[in-house]
Amino acid sequence: MESILPHLLNTLLGAGGGYLGNMLRKNGLGMIGNLLSGAVGGNVLPLLVSAAMGGSSDNMVMNLITALLGGGLGSLVGGLLKKAPGAAA
């Protein structure tokens, strides 16, 4: 069974990235929305980068940096989806 610590770190750094992404560019999501979309982005981007590099996730520092960037990206994408025409209000 894999350790849960890397996933928790990705989630926390992703949420922080979502919060920082909102501070840099307001996206219309609330605090909870930014934290949740950032947490999702913080877990998805490291998985994609790991898969693109051949499945090796040995470099923990790179995973943490991509989690932070993924959190900011997830927050911005969440804000874009909220503002999209035809989106549910």
C-alpha atoms as a PDB file:
ATOM      1  CA  MET A   1       0.000   0.000   0.000  1.00  0.00           C
ATOM      2  CA  GLU A   2       1.359   3.365  -1.035  1.00  0.00           C
ATOM      3  CA  SER A   3       2.021   6.094   1.449  1.00  0.00           C
ATOM      4  CA  ILE A   4      -0.635   8.774   1.687  1.00  0.00           C
ATOM      5  CA  LEU A   5       1.848  11.546   2.564  1.00  0.00           C
ATOM      6  CA  PRO A   6       2.660  12.570  -1.056  1.00  0.00           C
ATOM      7  CA  HIS A   7      -1.038  12.879  -1.854  1.00  0.00           C
ATOM      8  CA  LEU A   8      -1.673  14.971   1.253  1.00  0.00           C
ATOM      9  CA  LEU A   9       1.242  17.250   0.386  1.00  0.00           C
ATOM     10  CA  ASN A  10      -0.018  17.622  -3.183  1.00  0.00           C
ATOM     11  CA  THR A  11      -3.487  18.471  -1.885  1.00  0.00           C
ATOM     12  CA  LEU A  12      -2.216  21.060   0.594  1.00  0.00           C
ATOM     13  CA  LEU A  13       0.173  22.683  -1.864  1.00  0.00           C
ATOM     14  CA  GLY A  14      -2.502  22.610  -4.558  1.00  0.00           C
ATOM     15  CA  ALA A  15      -4.935  24.397  -2.251  1.00  0.00           C
ATOM     16  CA  GLY A  16      -2.219  26.952  -1.475  1.00  0.00           C
ATOM     17  CA  GLY A  17      -1.580  27.377  -5.182  1.00  0.00           C
ATOM     18  CA  GLY A  18      -5.289  27.928  -5.760  1.00  0.00           C
ATOM     19  CA  TYR A  19      -5.352  30.584  -3.051  1.00  0.00           C
ATOM     20  CA  LEU A  20      -2.261  32.303  -4.482  1.00  0.00           C
ATOM     21  CA  GLY A  21      -3.668  32.083  -8.001  1.00  0.00           C
ATOM     22  CA  ASN A  22      -6.764  33.922  -6.828  1.00  0.00           C
ATOM     23  CA  MET A  23      -4.641  36.584  -5.140  1.00  0.00           C
ATOM     24  CA  LEU A  24      -2.703  37.190  -8.356  1.00  0.00           C
ATOM     25  CA  ARG A  25      -5.735  37.220 -10.617  1.00  0.00           C
ATOM     26  CA  LYS A  26      -9.275  37.343  -9.263  1.00  0.00           C
ATOM     27  CA  ASN A  27     -11.331  34.571 -10.821  1.00  0.00           C
ATOM     28  CA  GLY A  28     -14.760  34.920  -9.215  1.00  0.00           C
ATOM     29  CA  LEU A  29     -14.603  31.753  -7.138  1.00  0.00           C
ATOM     30  CA  GLY A  30     -15.027  31.998  -3.404  1.00  0.00           C
ATOM     31  CA  MET A  31     -12.451  30.896  -0.852  1.00  0.00           C
ATOM     32  CA  ILE A  32     -13.778  27.318  -0.725  1.00  0.00           C
ATOM     33  CA  GLY A  33     -14.001  27.143  -4.519  1.00  0.00           C
ATOM     34  CA  ASN A  34     -10.386  28.243  -4.905  1.00  0.00           C
ATOM     35  CA  LEU A  35      -9.165  25.784  -2.304  1.00  0.00           C
ATOM     36  CA  LEU A  36     -11.079  22.870  -3.827  1.00  0.00           C
ATOM     37  CA  SER A  37     -10.152  23.606  -7.431  1.00  0.00           C
ATOM     38  CA  GLY A  38      -6.566  24.166  -6.350  1.00  0.00           C
ATOM     39  CA  ALA A  39      -6.503  20.866  -4.465  1.00  0.00           C
ATOM     40  CA  VAL A  40      -7.776  19.042  -7.542  1.00  0.00           C
ATOM     41  CA  GLY A  41      -5.247  20.781  -9.787  1.00  0.00           C
ATOM     42  CA  GLY A  42      -2.503  20.063  -7.269  1.00  0.00           C
ATOM     43  CA  ASN A  43      -3.162  16.349  -7.608  1.00  0.00           C
ATOM     44  CA  VAL A  44      -3.825  16.194 -11.351  1.00  0.00           C
ATOM     45  CA  LEU A  45      -0.800  18.088 -12.715  1.00  0.00           C
ATOM     46  CA  PRO A  46       1.838  15.986 -10.890  1.00  0.00           C
ATOM     47  CA  LEU A  47       0.110  12.846 -12.176  1.00  0.00           C
ATOM     48  CA  LEU A  48       0.212  14.157 -15.745  1.00  0.00           C
ATOM     49  CA  VAL A  49       3.857  15.218 -15.471  1.00  0.00           C
ATOM     50  CA  SER A  50       4.762  11.868 -13.930  1.00  0.00           C
ATOM     51  CA  ALA A  51       2.998  10.015 -16.747  1.00  0.00           C
ATOM     52  CA  ALA A  52       4.711  12.153 -19.382  1.00  0.00           C
ATOM     53  CA  MET A  53       8.113  11.381 -17.862  1.00  0.00           C
ATOM     54  CA  GLY A  54       7.624   7.622 -18.008  1.00  0.00           C
ATOM     55  CA  GLY A  55       5.842   6.963 -14.756  1.00  0.00           C
ATOM     56  CA  SER A  56       8.716   7.719 -12.383  1.00  0.00           C
ATOM     57  CA  SER A  57       7.685   9.943  -9.486  1.00  0.00           C
ATOM     58  CA  ASP A  58      10.970   9.710  -7.585  1.00  0.00           C
ATOM     59  CA  ASN A  59      11.722  13.437  -7.526  1.00  0.00           C
ATOM     60  CA  MET A  60       9.636  14.702  -4.602  1.00  0.00           C
ATOM     61  CA  VAL A  61      10.716  18.340  -5.031  1.00  0.00           C
ATOM     62  CA  MET A  62       9.503  18.409  -8.621  1.00  0.00           C
ATOM     63  CA  ASN A  63       6.189  16.868  -7.547  1.00  0.00           C
ATOM     64  CA  LEU A  64       5.735  19.548  -4.891  1.00  0.00           C
ATOM     65  CA  ILE A  65       6.489  22.368  -7.328  1.00  0.00           C
ATOM     66  CA  THR A  66       4.108  20.962  -9.935  1.00  0.00           C
ATOM     67  CA  ALA A  67       1.444  20.592  -7.216  1.00  0.00           C
ATOM     68  CA  LEU A  68       1.775  24.285  -6.374  1.00  0.00           C
ATOM     69  CA  LEU A  69       1.621  25.271 -10.041  1.00  0.00           C
ATOM     70  CA  GLY A  70      -1.220  22.841 -10.665  1.00  0.00           C
ATOM     71  CA  GLY A  71      -3.194  24.393  -7.830  1.00  0.00           C
ATOM     72  CA  GLY A  72      -2.891  27.843  -9.362  1.00  0.00           C
ATOM     73  CA  LEU A  73      -3.797  26.472 -12.762  1.00  0.00           C
ATOM     74  CA  GLY A  74      -6.766  24.565 -11.343  1.00  0.00           C
ATOM     75  CA  SER A  75      -8.038  27.722  -9.693  1.00  0.00           C
ATOM     76  CA  LEU A  76      -7.761  29.718 -12.908  1.00  0.00           C
ATOM     77  CA  VAL A  77      -9.473  26.998 -14.952  1.00  0.00           C
ATOM     78  CA  GLY A  78     -12.224  26.771 -12.341  1.00  0.00           C
ATOM     79  CA  GLY A  79     -12.760  30.519 -12.632  1.00  0.00           C
ATOM     80  CA  LEU A  80     -12.911  30.293 -16.417  1.00  0.00           C
ATOM     81  CA  LEU A  81     -15.479  27.494 -16.273  1.00  0.00           C
ATOM     82  CA  LYS A  82     -17.614  29.491 -13.862  1.00  0.00           C
ATOM     83  CA  LYS A  83     -17.588  32.529 -16.188  1.00  0.00           C
ATOM     84  CA  ALA A  84     -18.243  30.501 -19.349  1.00  0.00           C
ATOM     85  CA  PRO A  85     -21.471  31.370 -21.163  1.00  0.00           C
ATOM     86  CA  GLY A  86     -24.159  28.806 -20.552  1.00  0.00           C
ATOM     87  CA  ALA A  87     -22.596  27.604 -17.318  1.00  0.00           C
ATOM     88  CA  ALA A  88     -24.961  26.796 -14.490  1.00  0.00           C
ATOM     89  CA  ALA A  89     -25.240  29.675 -12.054  1.00  0.00           C
END
